[in-house]
Each structure stands twice: as structure tokens, then as C-alpha cells.
Amino acid sequence: MAEKQEVQTVGIDLGTTFSAIARLDNEGNPVSILNSDGKTVTPSIVILGDSGHVIVGPLPERVAHEHPDHIVEAIKRQMGKKDWFKVYQGKKLTPEFISALILKKMKQDAEKVIGPVANAVITVPYYFNDLRRKATQDAGRIAGFNVLDIINEPTAATLAYAWMKGELGRTDLASDEKTIMVYDLGGGTFDVTCVRYTPTHFRVLATDGDVMLGGIDWTNRMVEHVAEQFKRKYGSDPLSDPETRLLFTQECEAAKRSLSSKSQVPVNLYFQGKTLTVNVTRGDFERMTADLLQRTRDTTELVLQQAGVTTGTLTEVVLVGGSTHMPAVFKMLHEVSGRLPSRELNPDEAVAQGAAIHAAILEARATGGDSRLAKAVIKRLRAVSASDVNSHALGVAVSEPTDRQKKFNYVMIPKNTPIPHTITQRFTTNVANQQRIHVRLMQGDARDINACTLIGDVRIVNLPPNLPAGSPLEFTYQYEANGRILATARELTGNVEARTEIVRDTGLNDVGLDSFEQLAREYQVE
């Protein structure tokens, strides 16, 4: 009888443009797992072919021969959006499902190297809201993973950094605190986070970011720049043709990467039998994207301010994400922090490797650890703890004092508040003889409720008769360390109470998840 293989646990960086998967080796070091092409990263591109044949992570040459309608890119930017779908073979494929196809491919490739894989920790940008996090968790389940946790990308990078420094879990080292700033500029999302840590405890001080800012936007600037010159010379718009846009975007992506090491690159645009070659210098490129870089600089300076960290107290600036290869990023961060940013971590693999460490920490606490690992490694993993902050403010919709018909978002828990956190505040009823109270729970900083996300509600019914206007109402938000949010509303005159736990609903219930799991099994992914 063949020996039963031990089920493996992995960490996954599900990226906008590239994804990576890693695990801890027998010595406890996080290592990336090669895909079927022998690469440590897999392009987050899906080609929906004929008869349920799906190609994940194709080479650029393969993408160039495919019709744009069959190609799905940057699906991470659509996560959590209920109104986005791709119609394929008469079925509406959601962002969760398409992301699951990427995860399924990575799972298949990893199993060829390390054997059966069941458990995974998947990373998300710190600034992902609850809907996007739940969508990522659903994608993992559809792909066949038992998702142990969803971890923030900067937190994963910090774990990888501390392990690389030989500090993580070392109870024999001095518990002096270090403060690092993780600047994570990926293909489609951006985060900057300040973390203060000792070898055994990690504490997030502040975070901010933009889920719609990344290397794609830098590439598109070059696309638009050269296309505009083509239009001026020949009078036709090359970007009006989807196939030309696809091929040219690939050309500009390659040119952008070359400019990280070269001072000038030629960019060729061919459309309707006409050709234009534009020599783009690094200076040209930096000028046309200066506002994008400034957005990240503004966020970086804001996070340092909110964290109460002066540049002189920063131990390190850690670069994560493929877009940090751009020299302008390095220069800007040097100016802001007064320190030369660290390139010691592999920006393309660090997040997945940190996720693998986090997965091992969870296993060490729950089951005693992976039997492959040495006892000394498991001991180090079990010694690590962390505390977090909320990345989005929580509030309630309340009436304007001067116009009861208008509502605004009243923030109760500001973003970057250390969690767990509980807060109780009093409000009053609006009208006399009110029969019920409906409290809408909002996520976001804006005063305008339309600029925030509705994440749930609490309804109190059967209020006491003849309740006068201005009767007191007590409302409590409870934000737990595991991310669970509880809300309680109590009308104090009659002591009537209602409570709810925020259900992160993306429109996929258990039935929907089960059907997508079955569909994913039917599709042939390569």
C-alpha cells in the first residue's frame, strides 16, 4: 500500500497582475513554489477558451493571439462588486469565480511539487473592505482550499521581513521595538502601513491605501501618451480597436519594466498599416506619471503622521510589490523618510512567503504545528502574536439636526483605531410615538452616506406606546480582534434591545458557493 501523503498548507498572494504561492520548508524557511513554467509568479490573467477550456497565467505570446473578449485581467479590482460579471458559455462568472480559477491553477501546480494541498492563507490589501475580503475568501473555497485566514499584505510582508532578519519568534533576543514602514505598490493596488514590532509581537500603527492605484495605471499613461502622438500624426485612434489596445498595452508594459534599468526605450505602435516609433525616456515616463507617484507620496506622509512616527525613528522602509522596481519610487521614499529603502525582500514573493509564515503560526497554535518542522521552529512560531487596527471607519446614519429628512454618516470608530475596540454612544428618537428604530451601519470616513458602504443594519420594533420625541437610544459597536463586528441598539425607556453581527454578504450564499465549486471542477484549467 502506498504511503499516505501529508496534506500541505500554503500562503498565497492573489495579485492584480501576478500571483505567488509559498510554504515553509523543513527548516522553517518560507520558499516560493514554482509553477508549471518554472516561475515563482503566475500572471493573474485568465483566457476563457472553447468547451470549458481555461488557460491561467498564459505567456504574453499566447495572449497576443487571443481575442480580447476572451481575456480577463486585473480581476482583483472587481472583487466585492455585485454588479460585475463575465458571460461565458451562458453563465455569469463573478469576480470570485474568475479569481478561483487562478487559485485552482496555482493549487494544481503546487501539488505537482509538494503533494496534496488543502489549507491556505490568502492575502489582501490592507485597504480592502469587508465585501472584498469575503469575496477573496469565497474564491479560495471555490478553488478547493480550506481558507485558514485572510491576512493583510503589509502584515505578511512584515512577517517575511522579521523572519529574513532572523528575529521572528526569537524569545532569546532583546525585546527592543523596531518601527518599519511597508510601502506596497503592486500591479493594481497600493498600501502603505507602519508597523512596530519586537521579535514576538507585531502592532500595526496606521495604514491607508487605494485599491484602484497600481502599476497598471503607470502602463496606461504610456499607452495614452504614444497613442495620442499616433492620432495627431495619422488622424486615427489606435485605442478604438480592442486587439490593437491589447497588443500595445503589452508593449508598453514591457517598456515600463525596461525603463527601470534603461534610460530610454523605443515603443512601437502599429495600426491600420501605419507604424509609429516613439523613444520614451525615463524622464518622459516619470513626468507623465508624476501625479500617480504624488498620490502615493501623499498617502505615505499621511500614514506616518497618523502613526505618530517621525522619519528619524523609522528603522526601515520595506518595498513590496512589483511596481516598486521603478527608480522614481525609490527616490521619492528616500526623500520622504530620509532612509534608503530596503530591497532585501523579493518584492514579488515576500507577501506570499509571509502568508506561509502566518499559516504556520496558525497551525502551530491550533494543532501543535506541521510535523515536518523542527520543534525549535514550531516554538518560534507559537511565540508570535499581533495586534491590528481597522482600515475603514465605522459609523451610523443619523439625521441632520437642522433637517430630520437628511442623513449623514456619524463616525463612531475612526480608521486606524487599535482593535479590539468597543464604543457606546447615546442618540435620540426623531418623532413622537415612534414605533420602530432602524439603524443603518456604515463603513467609511465620508460624511455623505452615499460615499460610504452600507454593511448592515439593526431594527428595534415594538417600542413603548406614546414614546416622546427625543427619547434616549444607546448604540454599541464592538470590533473584535478577528475582524468580527457586532452592533447593539437599545431603547432605554422600555429597555428594548436588538443586535446583529455584520454578515459579509457578497451575494454568494452556500448554495451559490456550492454551484460555483461544482462548476470550477468541471472546467479544465491549465
Protein backbone atom coordinates (compact mmCIF):
# COMPACT_ATOMS: atom_id res chain seq x y z
CA MET A 1 0.00 0.00 0.00
CA ALA A 2 1.30 3.44 -0.96
CA GLU A 3 2.19 5.72 1.93
CA LYS A 4 -0.43 8.39 2.53
CA GLN A 5 0.87 11.86 1.69
CA GLU A 6 0.61 14.56 4.30
CA VAL A 7 -1.70 17.42 3.35
CA GLN A 8 0.20 20.68 2.84
CA THR A 9 -0.57 24.25 3.91
CA VAL A 10 0.39 27.25 1.77
CA GLY A 11 0.36 31.03 1.70
CA ILE A 12 -0.97 32.80 -1.41
CA ASP A 13 -0.56 36.33 -2.70
CA LEU A 14 -3.54 36.74 -5.04
CA GLY A 15 -2.33 39.74 -7.01
CA THR A 16 -3.82 42.04 -9.62
CA THR A 17 -1.19 41.31 -12.26
CA PHE A 18 0.83 38.45 -10.75
CA SER A 19 0.14 35.87 -8.05
CA ALA A 20 2.50 33.74 -5.97
CA ILE A 21 2.30 30.74 -3.65
CA ALA A 22 4.71 29.66 -0.92
CA ARG A 23 5.15 27.32 2.02
CA LEU A 24 7.66 26.71 4.82
CA ASP A 25 10.38 24.19 4.00
CA ASN A 26 11.51 21.57 6.51
CA GLU A 27 13.90 24.06 8.13
CA GLY A 28 11.09 26.57 8.58
CA ASN A 29 12.17 28.96 5.83
CA PRO A 30 9.45 30.42 3.59
CA VAL A 31 10.06 29.41 -0.02
CA SER A 32 8.13 30.11 -3.20
CA ILE A 33 6.70 27.16 -5.13
CA LEU A 34 7.44 27.07 -8.85
CA ASN A 35 4.55 26.91 -11.30
CA SER A 36 4.39 24.67 -14.37
CA ASP A 37 6.51 27.20 -16.30
CA GLY A 38 9.25 27.07 -13.67
CA LYS A 39 8.41 30.58 -12.43
CA THR A 40 7.78 31.83 -8.90
CA VAL A 41 4.97 34.13 -10.06
CA THR A 42 1.93 33.41 -12.20
CA PRO A 43 0.28 36.12 -14.33
CA SER A 44 -3.22 36.81 -12.97
CA ILE A 45 -4.69 36.50 -16.45
CA VAL A 46 -7.46 34.12 -17.49
CA ILE A 47 -8.30 33.09 -21.05
CA LEU A 48 -11.77 31.63 -21.34
CA GLY A 49 -11.44 29.20 -24.23
CA ASP A 50 -13.82 26.88 -26.02
CA SER A 51 -15.66 23.98 -24.36
CA GLY A 52 -14.80 24.94 -20.80
CA HIS A 53 -11.07 25.04 -21.51
CA VAL A 54 -9.46 27.73 -19.34
CA ILE A 55 -5.87 28.96 -19.55
CA VAL A 56 -4.49 30.70 -16.46
CA GLY A 57 -1.25 32.70 -16.45
CA PRO A 58 -0.54 32.48 -20.19
CA LEU A 59 2.66 33.85 -21.67
CA PRO A 60 2.35 37.22 -23.46
CA GLU A 61 2.78 35.48 -26.82
CA ARG A 62 -0.27 33.35 -26.12
CA VAL A 63 -2.34 36.35 -25.01
CA ALA A 64 -1.43 38.20 -28.22
CA HIS A 65 -3.20 35.56 -30.33
CA GLU A 66 -6.44 35.59 -28.31
CA HIS A 67 -9.49 37.78 -28.88
CA PRO A 68 -9.74 40.45 -26.16
CA ASP A 69 -13.28 39.34 -25.31
CA HIS A 70 -11.89 36.01 -24.11
CA ILE A 71 -9.29 37.57 -21.80
CA VAL A 72 -9.88 38.61 -18.19
CA GLU A 73 -7.21 40.74 -16.49
CA ALA A 74 -6.94 42.65 -13.22
CA ILE A 75 -9.94 40.82 -11.74
CA LYS A 76 -8.74 41.78 -8.25
CA ARG A 77 -10.02 45.30 -8.88
CA GLN A 78 -13.54 43.92 -9.31
CA MET A 79 -13.62 41.83 -6.12
CA GLY A 80 -16.69 42.52 -4.00
CA LYS A 81 -18.62 44.19 -6.83
CA LYS A 82 -22.03 42.56 -7.10
CA ASP A 83 -22.83 44.09 -10.49
CA TRP A 84 -19.67 42.85 -12.29
CA PHE A 85 -19.72 39.57 -14.20
CA LYS A 86 -18.36 37.94 -17.34
CA VAL A 87 -20.73 35.89 -19.50
CA TYR A 88 -19.11 32.63 -20.60
CA GLN A 89 -20.94 29.67 -22.11
CA GLY A 90 -24.25 31.16 -20.98
CA LYS A 91 -23.14 31.51 -17.36
CA LYS A 92 -22.42 34.69 -15.41
CA LEU A 93 -18.96 34.34 -13.90
CA THR A 94 -18.36 36.60 -10.89
CA PRO A 95 -15.01 38.06 -9.80
CA GLU A 96 -14.89 35.43 -7.06
CA PHE A 97 -15.21 32.64 -9.59
CA ILE A 98 -12.61 34.01 -12.00
CA SER A 99 -10.22 34.55 -9.08
CA ALA A 100 -10.92 30.95 -8.07
CA LEU A 101 -9.74 29.77 -11.49
CA ILE A 102 -6.39 31.49 -10.83
CA LEU A 103 -6.22 29.89 -7.40
CA LYS A 104 -7.14 26.48 -8.82
CA LYS A 105 -4.28 26.69 -11.33
CA MET A 106 -1.84 27.62 -8.55
CA LYS A 107 -3.13 24.74 -6.42
CA GLN A 108 -2.67 22.28 -9.29
CA ASP A 109 0.88 23.45 -9.97
CA ALA A 110 1.85 23.37 -6.28
CA GLU A 111 0.51 19.84 -5.81
CA LYS A 112 2.81 18.60 -8.58
CA VAL A 113 5.74 19.84 -6.48
CA ILE A 114 4.78 19.27 -2.82
CA GLY A 115 1.83 16.86 -2.90
CA PRO A 116 -1.80 17.43 -1.80
CA VAL A 117 -2.62 20.98 -0.69
CA ALA A 118 -5.68 21.64 1.45
CA ASN A 119 -5.18 24.69 3.65
CA ALA A 120 -4.29 28.22 2.63
CA VAL A 121 -3.87 31.73 3.95
CA ILE A 122 -4.69 34.29 1.24
CA THR A 123 -3.55 37.89 1.34
CA VAL A 124 -5.48 41.07 0.55
CA PRO A 125 -4.56 44.76 0.52
CA TYR A 126 -4.95 46.31 3.96
CA TYR A 127 -7.45 48.72 2.48
CA PHE A 128 -9.81 46.01 1.17
CA ASN A 129 -13.23 46.48 2.76
CA ASP A 130 -15.35 43.64 4.18
CA LEU A 131 -17.05 42.88 0.86
CA ARG A 132 -13.73 42.44 -0.94
CA ARG A 133 -12.31 40.30 1.87
CA LYS A 134 -15.32 38.00 1.87
CA ALA A 135 -15.11 37.72 -1.93
CA THR A 136 -11.46 36.64 -1.62
CA GLN A 137 -12.39 34.05 0.99
CA ASP A 138 -15.15 32.74 -1.27
CA ALA A 139 -12.71 32.48 -4.18
CA GLY A 140 -10.45 30.29 -2.08
CA ARG A 141 -13.29 27.99 -1.15
CA ILE A 142 -14.48 27.69 -4.76
CA ALA A 143 -10.92 26.73 -5.76
CA GLY A 144 -10.94 23.88 -3.25
CA PHE A 145 -8.98 25.41 -0.38
CA ASN A 146 -9.79 25.40 3.30
CA VAL A 147 -9.08 29.10 3.85
CA LEU A 148 -7.49 29.39 7.29
CA ASP A 149 -7.39 33.17 7.23
CA ILE A 150 -7.37 36.31 5.12
CA ILE A 151 -4.28 38.34 6.07
CA ASN A 152 -3.31 41.87 5.12
CA GLU A 153 -0.45 42.09 2.63
CA PRO A 154 1.70 44.52 4.68
CA THR A 155 1.35 42.28 7.73
CA ALA A 156 2.50 39.32 5.66
CA ALA A 157 5.45 41.33 4.35
CA THR A 158 6.41 42.30 7.91
CA LEU A 159 6.43 38.65 8.96
CA ALA A 160 8.66 37.81 5.99
CA TYR A 161 10.96 40.74 6.85
CA ALA A 162 11.33 39.74 10.51
CA TRP A 163 11.98 36.12 9.54
CA MET A 164 14.56 37.17 6.96
CA LYS A 165 16.27 39.25 9.68
CA GLY A 166 16.41 36.17 11.90
CA GLU A 167 14.23 37.86 14.53
CA LEU A 168 10.75 36.34 14.26
CA GLY A 169 9.73 34.38 17.36
CA ARG A 170 13.18 34.64 18.94
CA THR A 171 12.43 34.85 22.66
CA ASP A 172 16.18 34.86 23.33
CA LEU A 173 16.59 38.25 21.66
CA ALA A 174 16.11 41.61 23.32
CA SER A 175 12.56 42.89 23.04
CA ASP A 176 13.60 46.27 21.65
CA GLU A 177 10.94 47.71 19.37
CA LYS A 178 11.59 48.42 15.72
CA THR A 179 9.37 50.57 13.51
CA ILE A 180 9.13 49.84 9.82
CA MET A 181 7.05 51.25 7.02
CA VAL A 182 5.85 48.81 4.38
CA TYR A 183 5.27 50.52 1.03
CA ASP A 184 3.35 48.08 -1.17
CA LEU A 185 2.75 49.18 -4.77
CA GLY A 186 1.51 46.26 -6.80
CA GLY A 187 0.06 45.94 -10.26
CA GLY A 188 -3.37 47.20 -9.30
CA THR A 189 -3.48 48.18 -5.63
CA PHE A 190 -1.48 50.33 -3.23
CA ASP A 191 -0.97 50.21 0.54
CA VAL A 192 1.36 51.87 2.99
CA THR A 193 1.48 50.65 6.59
CA CYS A 194 3.53 51.48 9.68
CA VAL A 195 4.27 48.52 11.96
CA ARG A 196 6.06 48.50 15.32
CA TYR A 197 7.37 45.12 16.37
CA THR A 198 9.51 43.09 18.70
CA PRO A 199 10.60 39.52 17.87
CA THR A 200 7.38 38.19 19.41
CA HIS A 201 4.75 40.90 18.90
CA PHE A 202 3.61 42.94 15.92
CA ARG A 203 1.49 46.07 16.26
CA VAL A 204 0.06 47.96 13.29
CA LEU A 205 0.13 51.70 13.97
CA ALA A 206 -1.61 53.11 10.89
CA THR A 207 -2.49 52.20 7.33
CA ASP A 208 -4.02 53.72 4.22
CA GLY A 209 -4.15 52.97 0.54
CA ASP A 210 -6.02 52.84 -2.73
CA VAL A 211 -7.46 49.69 -4.27
CA MET A 212 -7.60 51.38 -7.68
CA LEU A 213 -3.98 52.52 -7.96
CA GLY A 214 -1.11 50.39 -9.19
CA GLY A 215 1.36 49.62 -11.95
CA ILE A 216 -1.46 49.21 -14.46
CA ASP A 217 -2.09 52.94 -14.20
CA TRP A 218 1.56 53.75 -14.94
CA THR A 219 1.43 51.49 -18.00
CA ASN A 220 -1.79 53.11 -19.23
CA ARG A 221 -0.17 56.54 -19.12
CA MET A 222 2.44 55.38 -21.61
CA VAL A 223 -0.28 53.78 -23.74
CA GLU A 224 -2.23 57.03 -23.86
CA HIS A 225 0.90 59.15 -24.45
CA VAL A 226 2.07 57.26 -27.55
CA ALA A 227 -1.47 56.69 -28.86
CA GLU A 228 -2.10 60.45 -28.74
CA GLN A 229 1.01 61.07 -30.84
CA PHE A 230 -0.16 58.44 -33.32
CA LYS A 231 -3.58 60.12 -33.52
CA ARG A 232 -2.02 63.54 -34.16
CA LYS A 233 0.17 62.19 -36.95
CA TYR A 234 -2.29 59.88 -38.72
CA GLY A 235 -5.70 61.13 -37.58
CA SER A 236 -6.97 57.74 -36.40
CA ASP A 237 -7.33 56.44 -32.82
CA PRO A 238 -5.44 53.15 -32.37
CA LEU A 239 -7.08 52.54 -28.98
CA SER A 240 -10.52 52.27 -30.60
CA ASP A 241 -9.58 48.75 -31.71
CA PRO A 242 -9.58 46.26 -28.78
CA GLU A 243 -6.94 43.98 -30.30
CA THR A 244 -4.57 46.88 -31.01
CA ARG A 245 -5.07 48.19 -27.49
CA LEU A 246 -4.31 44.76 -26.01
CA LEU A 247 -1.11 44.27 -28.01
CA PHE A 248 0.06 47.81 -27.44
CA THR A 249 -0.58 47.63 -23.71
CA GLN A 250 1.66 44.58 -23.60
CA GLU A 251 4.34 46.54 -25.47
CA CYS A 252 4.10 49.44 -23.02
CA GLU A 253 4.17 47.11 -20.01
CA ALA A 254 7.45 45.65 -21.27
CA ALA A 255 8.80 49.15 -21.98
CA LYS A 256 7.87 50.32 -18.49
CA ARG A 257 9.80 47.45 -16.95
CA SER A 258 12.82 48.16 -19.18
CA LEU A 259 12.88 51.79 -18.04
CA SER A 260 13.66 50.62 -14.52
CA SER A 261 17.14 49.69 -15.76
CA LYS A 262 17.46 51.71 -19.00
CA SER A 263 17.34 55.44 -19.60
CA GLN A 264 15.40 55.16 -22.86
CA VAL A 265 13.35 52.57 -24.76
CA PRO A 266 11.68 52.57 -28.21
CA VAL A 267 7.92 51.96 -28.20
CA ASN A 268 6.32 50.74 -31.43
CA LEU A 269 2.66 51.21 -32.30
CA TYR A 270 1.18 49.54 -35.42
CA PHE A 271 -2.38 50.27 -36.55
CA GLN A 272 -4.17 50.12 -39.93
CA GLY A 273 -0.94 49.58 -41.81
CA LYS A 274 0.79 52.54 -40.23
CA THR A 275 3.67 52.43 -37.74
CA LEU A 276 4.92 54.94 -35.20
CA THR A 277 8.02 54.53 -33.08
CA VAL A 278 8.43 56.80 -30.06
CA ASN A 279 11.58 56.84 -27.97
CA VAL A 280 10.39 57.20 -24.38
CA THR A 281 13.00 58.30 -21.86
CA ARG A 282 12.82 57.57 -18.16
CA GLY A 283 12.39 61.30 -17.60
CA ASP A 284 9.44 61.41 -20.03
CA PHE A 285 7.83 58.50 -18.24
CA GLU A 286 8.33 59.97 -14.81
CA ARG A 287 6.83 63.30 -15.91
CA MET A 288 3.72 61.69 -17.41
CA THR A 289 3.14 59.67 -14.23
CA ALA A 290 4.23 62.26 -11.65
CA ASP A 291 0.69 62.74 -10.31
CA LEU A 292 0.33 58.99 -9.69
CA LEU A 293 3.53 58.91 -7.68
CA GLN A 294 2.43 62.03 -5.81
CA ARG A 295 -0.75 60.24 -4.74
CA THR A 296 1.36 57.54 -3.10
CA ARG A 297 3.60 60.18 -1.53
CA ASP A 298 0.61 62.00 -0.01
CA THR A 299 -0.66 58.72 1.44
CA THR A 300 2.78 57.82 2.79
CA GLU A 301 3.16 61.14 4.57
CA LEU A 302 -0.38 60.88 5.96
CA VAL A 303 0.24 57.39 7.38
CA LEU A 304 3.48 58.50 9.04
CA GLN A 305 1.56 61.40 10.59
CA GLN A 306 -1.33 59.22 11.78
CA ALA A 307 1.10 56.65 13.19
CA GLY A 308 2.92 59.38 15.11
CA VAL A 309 6.17 58.28 13.52
CA THR A 310 8.88 60.77 12.64
CA THR A 311 11.27 59.89 9.86
CA GLY A 312 14.16 59.77 12.31
CA THR A 313 12.53 56.94 14.27
CA LEU A 314 11.93 54.67 11.27
CA THR A 315 14.08 51.55 11.40
CA GLU A 316 13.43 50.59 7.80
CA VAL A 317 11.35 51.34 4.72
CA VAL A 318 10.43 48.00 3.15
CA LEU A 319 9.49 47.77 -0.54
CA VAL A 320 6.84 45.28 -1.60
CA GLY A 321 5.08 44.83 -4.94
CA GLY A 322 6.49 44.68 -8.45
CA SER A 323 5.92 48.36 -9.16
CA THR A 324 8.48 49.34 -6.51
CA HIS A 325 11.17 48.43 -9.07
CA MET A 326 10.59 51.88 -10.60
CA PRO A 327 13.53 54.16 -9.65
CA ALA A 328 11.18 57.12 -9.03
CA VAL A 329 9.54 55.20 -6.19
CA PHE A 330 12.90 54.57 -4.50
CA LYS A 331 13.90 58.23 -4.87
CA MET A 332 10.61 59.56 -3.52
CA LEU A 333 10.68 57.32 -0.45
CA HIS A 334 14.26 58.32 0.26
CA GLU A 335 13.15 61.96 0.23
CA VAL A 336 10.14 61.33 2.47
CA SER A 337 11.79 59.05 5.01
CA GLY A 338 15.41 60.17 4.97
CA ARG A 339 16.36 56.50 4.64
CA LEU A 340 17.41 54.37 1.69
CA PRO A 341 14.52 51.93 1.19
CA SER A 342 15.34 48.26 1.72
CA ARG A 343 15.32 45.88 -1.23
CA GLU A 344 16.30 42.90 0.91
CA LEU A 345 12.92 41.24 0.40
CA ASN A 346 11.93 39.96 -3.02
CA PRO A 347 9.06 42.37 -3.77
CA ASP A 348 7.28 39.82 -5.95
CA GLU A 349 7.43 36.91 -3.47
CA ALA A 350 7.58 38.41 0.02
CA VAL A 351 3.83 38.66 0.56
CA ALA A 352 3.17 35.01 -0.32
CA GLN A 353 6.08 33.94 1.86
CA GLY A 354 4.74 36.00 4.78
CA ALA A 355 1.34 34.39 4.28
CA ALA A 356 3.01 30.97 4.52
CA ILE A 357 4.58 32.02 7.83
CA HIS A 358 1.20 33.20 9.11
CA ALA A 359 -0.36 29.88 8.08
CA ALA A 360 2.35 28.03 10.01
CA ILE A 361 1.74 30.24 13.07
CA LEU A 362 -1.98 29.40 12.96
CA GLU A 363 -1.22 25.68 12.66
CA ALA A 364 1.31 25.83 15.50
CA ARG A 365 -1.32 27.34 17.78
CA ALA A 366 -4.20 25.10 16.71
CA THR A 367 -2.60 21.68 16.23
CA GLY A 368 0.95 21.97 17.52
CA GLY A 369 2.42 22.60 14.07
CA ASP A 370 3.40 20.82 10.88
CA SER A 371 5.19 17.57 11.70
CA ARG A 372 7.81 18.37 9.03
CA LEU A 373 9.09 21.32 11.04
CA ALA A 374 11.70 21.13 13.76
CA LYS A 375 10.46 21.67 17.31
CA ALA A 376 12.60 24.81 17.62
CA VAL A 377 10.85 26.31 14.57
CA ILE A 378 7.41 25.49 15.93
CA LYS A 379 8.35 27.03 19.27
CA ARG A 380 9.33 30.26 17.49
CA LEU A 381 6.09 30.32 15.54
CA ARG A 382 3.96 29.83 18.64
CA ALA A 383 5.69 32.76 20.35
CA VAL A 384 4.43 35.31 17.80
CA SER A 385 1.37 37.50 18.41
CA ALA A 386 -0.04 40.57 16.71
CA SER A 387 -2.43 43.45 17.24
CA ASP A 388 -4.15 45.34 14.47
CA VAL A 389 -6.07 48.47 13.52
CA ASN A 390 -9.23 48.87 11.48
CA SER A 391 -8.56 50.10 7.96
CA HIS A 392 -12.02 51.65 7.45
CA ALA A 393 -14.06 53.83 9.79
CA LEU A 394 -17.36 52.52 11.18
CA GLY A 395 -20.35 54.78 11.70
CA VAL A 396 -24.12 55.03 11.70
CA ALA A 397 -26.53 57.03 9.53
CA VAL A 398 -28.15 59.74 11.67
CA SER A 399 -30.43 62.69 10.93
CA GLU A 400 -29.12 66.18 10.31
CA PRO A 401 -30.00 68.43 13.29
CA THR A 402 -31.49 71.08 11.00
CA ASP A 403 -33.29 68.70 8.63
CA ARG A 404 -34.53 65.38 10.00
CA GLN A 405 -35.15 64.06 6.49
CA LYS A 406 -31.46 64.24 5.58
CA LYS A 407 -29.00 61.66 6.87
CA PHE A 408 -25.23 61.77 7.33
CA ASN A 409 -22.58 59.27 8.40
CA TYR A 410 -21.66 59.74 12.05
CA VAL A 411 -18.27 58.05 12.58
CA MET A 412 -18.02 56.11 15.85
CA ILE A 413 -14.81 54.16 15.28
CA PRO A 414 -12.30 56.13 13.17
CA LYS A 415 -9.95 54.23 10.88
CA ASN A 416 -6.58 53.24 12.38
CA THR A 417 -8.21 52.59 15.76
CA PRO A 418 -6.47 49.70 17.57
CA ILE A 419 -8.68 46.62 17.74
CA PRO A 420 -10.36 45.02 19.60
CA HIS A 421 -12.41 48.12 20.36
CA THR A 422 -15.84 48.75 21.87
CA ILE A 423 -17.67 52.07 21.94
CA THR A 424 -21.14 53.06 23.18
CA GLN A 425 -22.89 56.35 22.44
CA ARG A 426 -26.35 57.79 23.03
CA PHE A 427 -28.71 59.10 20.37
CA THR A 428 -32.38 60.14 20.49
CA THR A 429 -35.56 59.30 18.61
CA ASN A 430 -36.76 61.76 15.95
CA VAL A 431 -40.55 61.87 16.34
CA ALA A 432 -43.20 61.29 18.97
CA ASN A 433 -44.88 57.88 19.31
CA GLN A 434 -42.16 56.20 17.24
CA GLN A 435 -42.96 52.51 16.69
CA ARG A 436 -39.64 51.26 15.41
CA ILE A 437 -36.00 52.31 15.07
CA HIS A 438 -33.85 51.46 12.07
CA VAL A 439 -30.10 51.98 12.49
CA ARG A 440 -28.02 51.70 9.32
CA LEU A 441 -24.38 50.68 9.80
CA MET A 442 -21.90 52.47 7.56
CA GLN A 443 -18.27 51.81 6.64
CA GLY A 444 -16.21 54.79 5.51
CA ASP A 445 -14.89 58.20 6.55
CA ALA A 446 -17.10 60.43 4.42
CA ARG A 447 -19.96 62.42 5.93
CA ASP A 448 -22.06 61.71 2.84
CA ILE A 449 -23.68 58.29 3.33
CA ASN A 450 -23.71 57.76 -0.43
CA ALA A 451 -19.91 57.83 -0.39
CA CYS A 452 -19.83 55.07 2.27
CA THR A 453 -20.62 51.36 2.19
CA LEU A 454 -23.75 50.05 3.91
CA ILE A 455 -22.56 46.94 5.81
CA GLY A 456 -25.68 46.08 7.84
CA ASP A 457 -28.49 47.35 9.96
CA VAL A 458 -30.22 46.95 13.32
CA ARG A 459 -34.00 47.22 13.75
CA ILE A 460 -35.79 47.71 17.07
CA VAL A 461 -39.55 47.08 16.96
CA ASN A 462 -42.39 47.11 19.50
CA LEU A 463 -41.31 50.30 21.19
CA PRO A 464 -43.32 51.50 24.23
CA PRO A 465 -46.56 53.37 23.36
CA ASN A 466 -46.63 57.17 23.45
CA LEU A 467 -42.83 57.40 23.38
CA PRO A 468 -41.94 61.12 23.24
CA ALA A 469 -39.57 62.56 20.63
CA GLY A 470 -36.02 62.77 21.96
CA SER A 471 -36.24 59.51 23.88
CA PRO A 472 -32.75 58.05 24.51
CA LEU A 473 -31.24 55.30 22.38
CA GLU A 474 -27.94 53.61 23.23
CA PHE A 475 -25.85 52.17 20.41
CA THR A 476 -22.75 49.97 20.77
CA TYR A 477 -20.18 48.96 18.17
CA GLN A 478 -17.92 46.04 19.07
CA TYR A 479 -14.98 45.43 16.69
CA GLU A 480 -13.24 42.19 17.65
CA ALA A 481 -9.63 41.20 17.02
CA ASN A 482 -10.66 38.58 14.45
CA GLY A 483 -12.44 41.23 12.38
CA ARG A 484 -15.95 40.32 13.52
CA ILE A 485 -18.22 43.34 14.03
CA LEU A 486 -21.13 43.30 16.48
CA ALA A 487 -23.71 46.06 16.80
CA THR A 488 -26.30 46.54 19.56
CA ALA A 489 -29.08 49.12 19.78
CA ARG A 490 -31.14 49.62 22.96
CA GLU A 491 -34.12 51.92 23.51
CA LEU A 492 -33.64 52.90 27.15
CA THR A 493 -37.19 53.92 28.13
CA GLY A 494 -38.67 50.47 27.55
CA ASN A 495 -35.31 48.65 27.62
CA VAL A 496 -35.98 47.12 24.17
CA GLU A 497 -32.83 45.79 22.51
CA ALA A 498 -31.74 44.44 19.13
CA ARG A 499 -28.34 43.28 17.98
CA THR A 500 -26.65 41.97 14.87
CA GLU A 501 -23.37 40.56 13.67
CA ILE A 502 -22.16 42.02 10.41
CA VAL A 503 -22.65 39.41 7.71
CA ARG A 504 -20.16 39.96 4.91
CA ASP A 505 -22.55 39.18 2.09
CA THR A 506 -21.23 39.33 -1.46
CA GLY A 507 -24.34 37.80 -2.96
CA LEU A 508 -22.87 34.29 -2.75
CA ASN A 509 -24.71 32.14 -0.23
CA ASP A 510 -23.85 28.50 0.47
CA VAL A 511 -25.95 27.33 -2.48
CA GLY A 512 -24.19 29.76 -4.82
CA LEU A 513 -20.77 28.74 -3.49
CA ASP A 514 -21.59 25.05 -3.91
CA SER A 515 -22.69 25.57 -7.52
CA PHE A 516 -19.54 27.54 -8.31
CA GLU A 517 -17.39 24.84 -6.66
CA GLN A 518 -19.03 22.27 -8.93
CA LEU A 519 -18.56 24.48 -12.00
CA ALA A 520 -14.88 25.02 -11.14
CA ARG A 521 -14.41 21.25 -11.00
CA GLU A 522 -15.96 20.95 -14.47
CA TYR A 523 -13.67 23.49 -16.10
CA GLN A 524 -10.35 22.20 -17.40
CA VAL A 525 -7.74 24.65 -16.13
CA GLU A 526 -4.19 24.73 -17.43
